[in-house]
């Protein structure tokens, strides 16, 4: 007798059923109330990533205010590195990394800006002088992850904006 289903096919069907039963869903596009955005203010380290994420979600970053449906002003960003703990001999054992972006929004027809919004991300990491190169790479990777998280949070906050005159 010939096998109808291979074991791999059964595993694939089982995995599909488990994923669909748990509510797993791929991240879709953000539902933004505007299609054109003008970005002004400081050029931040996340500006390029923010523009790319906006364009992926169907928002065109325009070059002039007249064609924009929403204005985004990037006010600034800060990176901080703080000592969390020391060893008995006074050597650093843990650091805390903080990344913060400040921005505000407004509609072109409205002369008033929204209140300043702050997106902050934080990471802790252990430190060892014996692994200096590895810890430097880890710190750089954590900083990149924090910036990516901040960009996604800015997009989430932009999806919460509701335009008054559509």
N, C-alpha and C. Protein backbone atom coordinates (compact mmCIF):
# COMPACT_ATOMS: atom_id res chain seq x y z
N UNK A 1 0.82 -1.18 0.00
CA UNK A 1 0.00 0.00 0.00
C UNK A 1 0.87 1.25 0.00
N UNK A 2 0.45 2.26 -0.67
CA UNK A 2 1.19 3.49 -0.80
C UNK A 2 0.76 4.49 0.27
N UNK A 3 1.76 5.22 0.84
CA UNK A 3 1.46 6.25 1.83
C UNK A 3 0.84 7.45 1.14
N UNK A 4 -0.24 7.96 1.72
CA UNK A 4 -0.89 9.14 1.15
C UNK A 4 -0.24 10.41 1.69
N UNK A 5 0.02 10.45 3.01
CA UNK A 5 0.61 11.62 3.65
C UNK A 5 1.97 11.27 4.22
N UNK A 6 2.93 12.11 3.96
CA UNK A 6 4.25 11.91 4.56
C UNK A 6 4.23 12.51 5.97
N UNK A 7 5.14 12.08 6.85
CA UNK A 7 5.18 12.66 8.20
C UNK A 7 5.45 14.17 8.18
N UNK A 8 6.25 14.64 7.23
CA UNK A 8 6.55 16.07 7.15
C UNK A 8 5.29 16.88 6.82
N UNK A 9 4.46 16.33 5.96
CA UNK A 9 3.21 17.00 5.61
C UNK A 9 2.31 17.10 6.83
N UNK A 10 2.26 16.04 7.62
CA UNK A 10 1.45 16.05 8.84
C UNK A 10 1.97 17.09 9.83
N UNK A 11 3.30 17.20 9.96
CA UNK A 11 3.88 18.20 10.85
C UNK A 11 3.54 19.62 10.38
N UNK A 12 3.57 19.82 9.08
CA UNK A 12 3.24 21.12 8.52
C UNK A 12 1.78 21.48 8.81
N UNK A 13 0.89 20.54 8.63
CA UNK A 13 -0.53 20.76 8.92
C UNK A 13 -0.72 21.06 10.41
N UNK A 14 -0.05 20.31 11.26
CA UNK A 14 -0.16 20.52 12.70
C UNK A 14 0.37 21.89 13.11
N UNK A 15 1.50 22.29 12.56
CA UNK A 15 2.07 23.61 12.88
C UNK A 15 1.13 24.73 12.42
N UNK A 16 0.54 24.57 11.25
CA UNK A 16 -0.40 25.57 10.74
C UNK A 16 -1.62 25.68 11.64
N UNK A 17 -2.14 24.55 12.08
CA UNK A 17 -3.30 24.57 12.98
C UNK A 17 -2.97 25.22 14.32
N UNK A 18 -1.80 24.91 14.87
CA UNK A 18 -1.41 25.49 16.15
C UNK A 18 -1.26 27.00 16.04
N UNK A 19 -0.60 27.48 14.98
CA UNK A 19 -0.42 28.92 14.80
C UNK A 19 -1.74 29.65 14.60
N UNK A 20 -2.64 29.04 13.84
CA UNK A 20 -3.92 29.71 13.61
C UNK A 20 -4.80 29.67 14.86
N UNK A 21 -4.67 28.65 15.67
CA UNK A 21 -5.48 28.53 16.88
C UNK A 21 -5.03 29.49 17.97
N UNK A 22 -3.76 29.87 18.00
CA UNK A 22 -3.26 30.76 19.05
C UNK A 22 -3.48 32.22 18.72
N UNK A 23 -4.01 32.54 17.55
CA UNK A 23 -4.28 33.92 17.19
C UNK A 23 -3.12 34.61 16.52
N UNK A 24 -2.10 33.87 16.11
CA UNK A 24 -0.95 34.45 15.44
C UNK A 24 -1.39 35.14 14.16
N UNK A 25 -0.90 36.34 13.96
CA UNK A 25 -1.22 37.09 12.75
C UNK A 25 -0.01 37.93 12.38
N UNK A 26 0.34 37.94 11.11
CA UNK A 26 1.45 38.74 10.65
C UNK A 26 1.13 40.22 10.86
N UNK A 27 2.16 41.00 11.18
CA UNK A 27 1.96 42.44 11.36
C UNK A 27 1.59 43.03 10.01
N UNK A 28 0.48 43.72 9.99
CA UNK A 28 0.02 44.35 8.76
C UNK A 28 0.52 45.78 8.66
N UNK A 29 -0.11 46.51 7.79
CA UNK A 29 0.24 47.91 7.63
C UNK A 29 -0.51 48.74 8.66
N UNK A 30 0.13 49.81 9.12
CA UNK A 30 -0.48 50.68 10.11
C UNK A 30 -1.61 51.47 9.46
N UNK A 31 -2.69 51.67 10.20
CA UNK A 31 -3.84 52.41 9.72
C UNK A 31 -3.69 53.87 10.13
N UNK A 32 -3.07 54.66 9.27
CA UNK A 32 -2.82 56.07 9.56
C UNK A 32 -3.92 56.93 8.93
N UNK A 33 -4.25 58.03 9.59
CA UNK A 33 -5.33 58.90 9.11
C UNK A 33 -4.84 59.90 8.06
N UNK A 34 -3.61 59.79 7.65
CA UNK A 34 -3.04 60.71 6.65
C UNK A 34 -2.17 59.91 5.70
N UNK A 35 -2.00 60.46 4.51
CA UNK A 35 -1.19 59.79 3.48
C UNK A 35 0.08 60.57 3.13
N UNK A 36 0.13 61.84 3.53
CA UNK A 36 1.29 62.69 3.24
C UNK A 36 1.77 63.31 4.54
N UNK A 37 3.07 63.27 4.77
CA UNK A 37 3.64 63.79 6.02
C UNK A 37 4.87 64.62 5.68
N UNK A 38 4.97 65.75 6.35
CA UNK A 38 6.15 66.59 6.22
C UNK A 38 6.93 66.50 7.52
N UNK A 39 8.21 66.16 7.43
CA UNK A 39 9.06 66.04 8.62
C UNK A 39 9.99 67.24 8.66
N UNK A 40 9.99 67.92 9.81
CA UNK A 40 10.86 69.07 9.98
C UNK A 40 11.59 68.94 11.31
N UNK A 41 12.50 69.86 11.53
CA UNK A 41 13.25 69.84 12.78
C UNK A 41 14.61 69.19 12.61
N UNK A 42 15.11 68.66 13.70
CA UNK A 42 16.45 68.08 13.73
C UNK A 42 16.51 66.80 12.89
N UNK A 43 17.66 66.56 12.30
CA UNK A 43 17.91 65.29 11.62
C UNK A 43 18.50 64.34 12.66
N UNK A 44 17.74 63.32 12.99
CA UNK A 44 18.14 62.37 14.03
C UNK A 44 18.75 61.12 13.41
N UNK A 45 19.35 60.31 14.26
CA UNK A 45 19.94 59.06 13.77
C UNK A 45 18.88 58.10 13.27
N UNK A 46 17.61 58.30 13.65
CA UNK A 46 16.53 57.43 13.23
C UNK A 46 15.72 57.99 12.07
N UNK A 47 16.08 59.16 11.58
CA UNK A 47 15.29 59.82 10.53
C UNK A 47 15.12 58.94 9.30
N UNK A 48 16.19 58.35 8.83
CA UNK A 48 16.11 57.50 7.63
C UNK A 48 15.21 56.28 7.88
N UNK A 49 15.37 55.64 9.05
CA UNK A 49 14.54 54.47 9.37
C UNK A 49 13.08 54.85 9.50
N UNK A 50 12.80 56.02 10.08
CA UNK A 50 11.42 56.48 10.23
C UNK A 50 10.79 56.73 8.87
N UNK A 51 11.53 57.37 7.96
CA UNK A 51 11.01 57.62 6.61
C UNK A 51 10.73 56.31 5.88
N UNK A 52 11.62 55.36 6.05
CA UNK A 52 11.45 54.06 5.39
C UNK A 52 10.22 53.33 5.94
N UNK A 53 10.04 53.35 7.26
CA UNK A 53 8.88 52.69 7.87
C UNK A 53 7.59 53.38 7.46
N UNK A 54 7.60 54.69 7.37
CA UNK A 54 6.41 55.42 6.92
C UNK A 54 6.06 55.05 5.49
N UNK A 55 7.06 55.00 4.61
CA UNK A 55 6.78 54.66 3.22
C UNK A 55 6.30 53.21 3.08
N UNK A 56 6.81 52.32 3.92
CA UNK A 56 6.34 50.93 3.92
C UNK A 56 4.86 50.86 4.29
N UNK A 57 4.42 51.80 5.14
CA UNK A 57 3.03 51.83 5.59
C UNK A 57 2.16 52.75 4.74
N UNK A 58 2.63 53.12 3.56
CA UNK A 58 1.81 53.86 2.62
C UNK A 58 1.78 55.37 2.82
N UNK A 59 2.68 55.91 3.62
CA UNK A 59 2.73 57.35 3.85
C UNK A 59 3.89 57.92 3.04
N UNK A 60 3.59 58.95 2.27
CA UNK A 60 4.62 59.61 1.48
C UNK A 60 5.17 60.78 2.28
N UNK A 61 6.48 60.81 2.46
CA UNK A 61 7.13 61.94 3.12
C UNK A 61 7.37 62.99 2.05
N UNK A 62 6.68 64.13 2.18
CA UNK A 62 6.73 65.16 1.15
C UNK A 62 7.78 66.21 1.49
N UNK A 63 8.18 66.97 0.47
CA UNK A 63 9.25 67.96 0.61
C UNK A 63 8.77 69.35 0.97
N UNK A 64 7.45 69.62 0.83
CA UNK A 64 6.95 70.95 1.19
C UNK A 64 5.69 70.83 2.06
N UNK A 65 5.50 71.83 2.88
CA UNK A 65 4.40 71.83 3.86
C UNK A 65 3.04 71.88 3.16
N UNK A 66 2.94 72.56 2.03
CA UNK A 66 1.67 72.76 1.35
C UNK A 66 1.00 71.44 0.94
N UNK A 67 1.78 70.45 0.59
CA UNK A 67 1.19 69.18 0.15
C UNK A 67 1.07 68.16 1.27
N UNK A 68 1.34 68.56 2.50
CA UNK A 68 1.29 67.63 3.62
C UNK A 68 -0.08 67.65 4.30
N UNK A 69 -0.50 66.50 4.77
CA UNK A 69 -1.73 66.38 5.55
C UNK A 69 -1.43 66.43 7.04
N UNK A 70 -0.18 66.17 7.40
CA UNK A 70 0.25 66.17 8.81
C UNK A 70 1.70 66.63 8.85
N UNK A 71 2.05 67.34 9.92
CA UNK A 71 3.42 67.79 10.13
C UNK A 71 3.99 67.07 11.35
N UNK A 72 5.23 66.63 11.22
CA UNK A 72 5.94 65.99 12.32
C UNK A 72 7.23 66.76 12.54
N UNK A 73 7.42 67.24 13.76
CA UNK A 73 8.65 67.95 14.08
C UNK A 73 9.47 67.10 15.03
N UNK A 74 10.66 66.73 14.59
CA UNK A 74 11.58 65.98 15.43
C UNK A 74 12.40 66.99 16.22
N UNK A 75 12.25 66.96 17.54
CA UNK A 75 12.87 67.97 18.39
C UNK A 75 14.26 67.58 18.84
N UNK A 76 14.50 66.31 19.04
CA UNK A 76 15.83 65.90 19.48
C UNK A 76 15.84 64.47 19.98
N UNK A 77 17.05 64.00 20.21
CA UNK A 77 17.25 62.65 20.74
C UNK A 77 18.40 62.69 21.72
N UNK A 78 18.36 61.78 22.67
CA UNK A 78 19.47 61.68 23.63
C UNK A 78 19.82 60.21 23.83
N UNK A 79 21.11 59.97 23.97
CA UNK A 79 21.64 58.66 24.34
C UNK A 79 22.33 58.82 25.68
N UNK A 80 22.03 57.96 26.61
CA UNK A 80 22.67 58.01 27.91
C UNK A 80 23.20 56.63 28.28
N UNK A 81 24.32 56.63 28.95
CA UNK A 81 24.90 55.39 29.46
C UNK A 81 25.22 55.65 30.92
N UNK A 82 24.61 54.86 31.78
CA UNK A 82 24.73 55.08 33.22
C UNK A 82 25.21 53.81 33.90
N UNK A 83 26.06 53.95 34.89
CA UNK A 83 26.53 52.79 35.65
C UNK A 83 25.41 52.31 36.57
N UNK A 84 25.12 51.03 36.50
CA UNK A 84 24.09 50.45 37.36
C UNK A 84 24.69 49.83 38.62
N UNK A 85 25.78 49.10 38.45
CA UNK A 85 26.37 48.45 39.63
C UNK A 85 27.89 48.33 39.48
N UNK A 86 28.53 48.29 40.62
CA UNK A 86 29.98 48.15 40.71
C UNK A 86 30.32 46.90 41.49
N UNK A 87 31.49 46.35 41.22
CA UNK A 87 31.97 45.21 42.00
C UNK A 87 32.56 45.73 43.31
N UNK A 88 32.94 44.84 44.19
CA UNK A 88 33.56 45.23 45.46
C UNK A 88 34.85 45.99 45.26
N UNK A 89 35.52 45.73 44.15
CA UNK A 89 36.78 46.42 43.85
C UNK A 89 36.59 47.71 43.09
N UNK A 90 35.35 48.13 42.87
CA UNK A 90 35.09 49.39 42.18
C UNK A 90 35.04 49.28 40.67
N UNK A 91 34.99 48.06 40.12
CA UNK A 91 34.89 47.88 38.67
C UNK A 91 33.41 47.85 38.26
N UNK A 92 33.14 48.40 37.10
CA UNK A 92 31.76 48.42 36.59
C UNK A 92 31.33 47.01 36.24
N UNK A 93 30.14 46.63 36.69
CA UNK A 93 29.58 45.31 36.39
C UNK A 93 28.36 45.40 35.48
N UNK A 94 27.60 46.49 35.59
CA UNK A 94 26.39 46.64 34.77
C UNK A 94 26.23 48.10 34.35
N UNK A 95 25.72 48.27 33.13
CA UNK A 95 25.37 49.58 32.62
C UNK A 95 23.88 49.61 32.27
N UNK A 96 23.34 50.81 32.26
CA UNK A 96 21.99 51.04 31.77
C UNK A 96 22.10 51.99 30.59
N UNK A 97 21.49 51.60 29.47
CA UNK A 97 21.46 52.44 28.28
C UNK A 97 20.06 53.03 28.13
N UNK A 98 19.97 54.32 27.87
CA UNK A 98 18.70 54.99 27.64
C UNK A 98 18.76 55.70 26.30
N UNK A 99 17.67 55.60 25.56
CA UNK A 99 17.54 56.34 24.30
C UNK A 99 16.19 57.04 24.33
N UNK A 100 16.18 58.30 23.95
CA UNK A 100 14.97 59.10 24.04
C UNK A 100 14.83 59.97 22.79
N UNK A 101 13.59 60.02 22.24
CA UNK A 101 13.25 60.90 21.12
C UNK A 101 12.11 61.81 21.58
N UNK A 102 12.21 63.09 21.23
CA UNK A 102 11.13 64.05 21.49
C UNK A 102 10.59 64.54 20.15
N UNK A 103 9.27 64.56 20.02
CA UNK A 103 8.64 65.03 18.79
C UNK A 103 7.27 65.62 19.10
N UNK A 104 6.72 66.32 18.12
CA UNK A 104 5.36 66.83 18.22
C UNK A 104 4.75 66.87 16.83
N UNK A 105 3.44 66.98 16.79
CA UNK A 105 2.72 66.94 15.52
C UNK A 105 1.70 68.07 15.45
N UNK A 106 1.27 68.34 14.24
CA UNK A 106 0.13 69.25 14.03
C UNK A 106 -0.35 69.11 12.60
N UNK A 107 -1.60 69.54 12.40
CA UNK A 107 -2.14 69.61 11.05
C UNK A 107 -1.72 70.95 10.45
N UNK A 108 -1.50 71.01 9.15
CA UNK A 108 -1.05 72.28 8.54
C UNK A 108 -2.02 73.45 8.77
N UNK A 109 -3.31 73.17 8.84
CA UNK A 109 -4.29 74.24 9.02
C UNK A 109 -4.35 74.73 10.47
N UNK A 110 -3.84 73.96 11.38
CA UNK A 110 -3.88 74.32 12.80
C UNK A 110 -2.56 74.97 13.20
N UNK A 111 -2.59 76.17 13.77
CA UNK A 111 -1.33 76.83 14.14
C UNK A 111 -0.70 76.27 15.43
N UNK A 112 -1.46 75.49 16.18
CA UNK A 112 -0.97 74.97 17.46
C UNK A 112 -0.39 73.56 17.31
N UNK A 113 0.78 73.37 17.89
CA UNK A 113 1.41 72.06 17.90
C UNK A 113 0.81 71.24 19.04
N UNK A 114 0.87 69.94 18.91
CA UNK A 114 0.49 69.06 20.02
C UNK A 114 1.54 69.19 21.12
N UNK A 115 1.24 68.65 22.27
CA UNK A 115 2.26 68.67 23.32
C UNK A 115 3.42 67.77 22.90
N UNK A 116 4.57 68.06 23.44
CA UNK A 116 5.77 67.27 23.10
C UNK A 116 5.60 65.85 23.63
N UNK A 117 5.85 64.89 22.74
CA UNK A 117 5.78 63.49 23.13
C UNK A 117 7.20 62.94 23.21
N UNK A 118 7.42 62.09 24.19
CA UNK A 118 8.72 61.48 24.38
C UNK A 118 8.60 59.97 24.27
N UNK A 119 9.44 59.39 23.46
CA UNK A 119 9.54 57.93 23.37
C UNK A 119 10.87 57.56 23.99
N UNK A 120 10.82 56.69 24.96
CA UNK A 120 12.04 56.31 25.67
C UNK A 120 12.17 54.79 25.71
N UNK A 121 13.36 54.32 25.43
CA UNK A 121 13.66 52.89 25.55
C UNK A 121 14.86 52.74 26.47
N UNK A 122 14.93 51.59 27.14
CA UNK A 122 15.98 51.35 28.12
C UNK A 122 16.44 49.90 28.04
N UNK A 123 17.73 49.70 28.19
CA UNK A 123 18.31 48.35 28.22
C UNK A 123 19.39 48.31 29.30
N UNK A 124 19.50 47.19 29.96
CA UNK A 124 20.58 46.93 30.90
C UNK A 124 21.49 45.88 30.29
N UNK A 125 22.79 46.00 30.55
CA UNK A 125 23.69 44.93 30.11
C UNK A 125 24.87 44.82 31.06
N UNK A 126 25.30 43.59 31.22
CA UNK A 126 26.44 43.33 32.10
C UNK A 126 27.72 43.70 31.37
N UNK A 127 28.75 44.00 32.14
CA UNK A 127 30.00 44.44 31.55
C UNK A 127 31.16 43.70 32.19
N UNK A 128 32.18 43.42 31.38
CA UNK A 128 33.37 42.74 31.85
C UNK A 128 34.56 43.26 31.06
N UNK A 129 35.57 43.79 31.75
CA UNK A 129 36.74 44.33 31.06
C UNK A 129 37.49 43.27 30.26
N UNK A 130 37.36 42.01 30.63
CA UNK A 130 38.05 40.94 29.91
C UNK A 130 37.43 40.66 28.54
N UNK A 131 36.20 41.08 28.35
CA UNK A 131 35.52 40.87 27.06
C UNK A 131 35.18 42.21 26.43
N UNK A 132 36.16 43.07 26.35
CA UNK A 132 35.95 44.45 25.92
C UNK A 132 35.35 44.55 24.51
N UNK A 133 35.90 43.83 23.55
CA UNK A 133 35.39 43.90 22.18
C UNK A 133 33.98 43.35 22.07
N UNK A 134 33.73 42.22 22.70
CA UNK A 134 32.39 41.62 22.66
C UNK A 134 31.35 42.50 23.31
N UNK A 135 31.71 43.11 24.43
CA UNK A 135 30.77 43.99 25.13
C UNK A 135 30.52 45.27 24.34
N UNK A 136 31.55 45.74 23.62
CA UNK A 136 31.35 46.90 22.75
C UNK A 136 30.36 46.60 21.63
N UNK A 137 30.48 45.40 21.04
CA UNK A 137 29.53 44.98 20.00
C UNK A 137 28.13 44.82 20.57
N UNK A 138 28.04 44.26 21.77
CA UNK A 138 26.74 44.09 22.42
C UNK A 138 26.08 45.45 22.67
N UNK A 139 26.86 46.41 23.13
CA UNK A 139 26.33 47.74 23.38
C UNK A 139 25.83 48.39 22.09
N UNK A 140 26.58 48.25 21.01
CA UNK A 140 26.17 48.81 19.73
C UNK A 140 24.87 48.17 19.24
N UNK A 141 24.77 46.85 19.39
CA UNK A 141 23.55 46.13 18.98
C UNK A 141 22.35 46.57 19.82
N UNK A 142 22.55 46.75 21.13
CA UNK A 142 21.47 47.20 22.00
C UNK A 142 21.02 48.61 21.62
N UNK A 143 21.97 49.48 21.29
CA UNK A 143 21.61 50.83 20.86
C UNK A 143 20.80 50.81 19.56
N UNK A 144 21.18 49.96 18.63
CA UNK A 144 20.43 49.82 17.38
C UNK A 144 19.03 49.30 17.65
N UNK A 145 18.90 48.30 18.52
CA UNK A 145 17.58 47.76 18.87
C UNK A 145 16.71 48.82 19.53
N UNK A 146 17.30 49.64 20.38
CA UNK A 146 16.52 50.69 21.05
C UNK A 146 16.03 51.71 20.03
N UNK A 147 16.86 52.07 19.06
CA UNK A 147 16.43 53.01 18.03
C UNK A 147 15.29 52.42 17.19
N UNK A 148 15.42 51.14 16.83
CA UNK A 148 14.36 50.49 16.05
C UNK A 148 13.05 50.44 16.84
N UNK A 149 13.13 50.13 18.13
CA UNK A 149 11.94 50.12 18.98
C UNK A 149 11.32 51.51 19.05
N UNK A 150 12.15 52.54 19.15
CA UNK A 150 11.65 53.91 19.23
C UNK A 150 10.95 54.31 17.94
N UNK A 151 11.49 53.92 16.80
CA UNK A 151 10.86 54.23 15.51
C UNK A 151 9.49 53.57 15.43
N UNK A 152 9.39 52.32 15.83
CA UNK A 152 8.10 51.62 15.81
C UNK A 152 7.10 52.28 16.78
N UNK A 153 7.58 52.75 17.92
CA UNK A 153 6.70 53.43 18.87
C UNK A 153 6.22 54.76 18.32
N UNK A 154 7.07 55.50 17.63
CA UNK A 154 6.63 56.75 16.99
C UNK A 154 5.53 56.45 15.98
N UNK A 155 5.69 55.40 15.19
CA UNK A 155 4.67 55.02 14.22
C UNK A 155 3.36 54.65 14.93
N UNK A 156 3.44 53.90 16.03
CA UNK A 156 2.23 53.55 16.79
C UNK A 156 1.52 54.81 17.28
N UNK A 157 2.29 55.78 17.73
CA UNK A 157 1.68 57.03 18.21
C UNK A 157 1.08 57.82 17.06
N UNK A 158 1.69 57.74 15.89
CA UNK A 158 1.12 58.42 14.73
C UNK A 158 -0.18 57.77 14.29
N UNK A 159 -0.31 56.46 14.48
CA UNK A 159 -1.57 55.79 14.12
C UNK A 159 -2.70 56.22 15.05
N UNK A 160 -2.39 56.69 16.23
CA UNK A 160 -3.42 57.13 17.18
C UNK A 160 -3.93 58.53 16.84
N UNK A 161 -3.24 59.26 15.96
CA UNK A 161 -3.68 60.60 15.60
C UNK A 161 -4.93 60.52 14.73
N UNK A 162 -5.88 61.38 15.03
CA UNK A 162 -7.09 61.49 14.21
C UNK A 162 -7.14 62.89 13.63
N UNK A 163 -7.27 62.98 12.35
CA UNK A 163 -7.35 64.29 11.69
C UNK A 163 -8.73 64.89 11.89
N UNK A 164 -8.76 66.20 12.05
CA UNK A 164 -10.05 66.87 12.27
C UNK A 164 -10.76 67.20 10.97
N UNK A 165 -10.03 67.49 9.92
CA UNK A 165 -10.66 67.81 8.63
C UNK A 165 -10.13 66.87 7.56
N UNK A 166 -10.88 65.84 7.28
CA UNK A 166 -10.44 64.85 6.29
C UNK A 166 -10.88 65.24 4.91
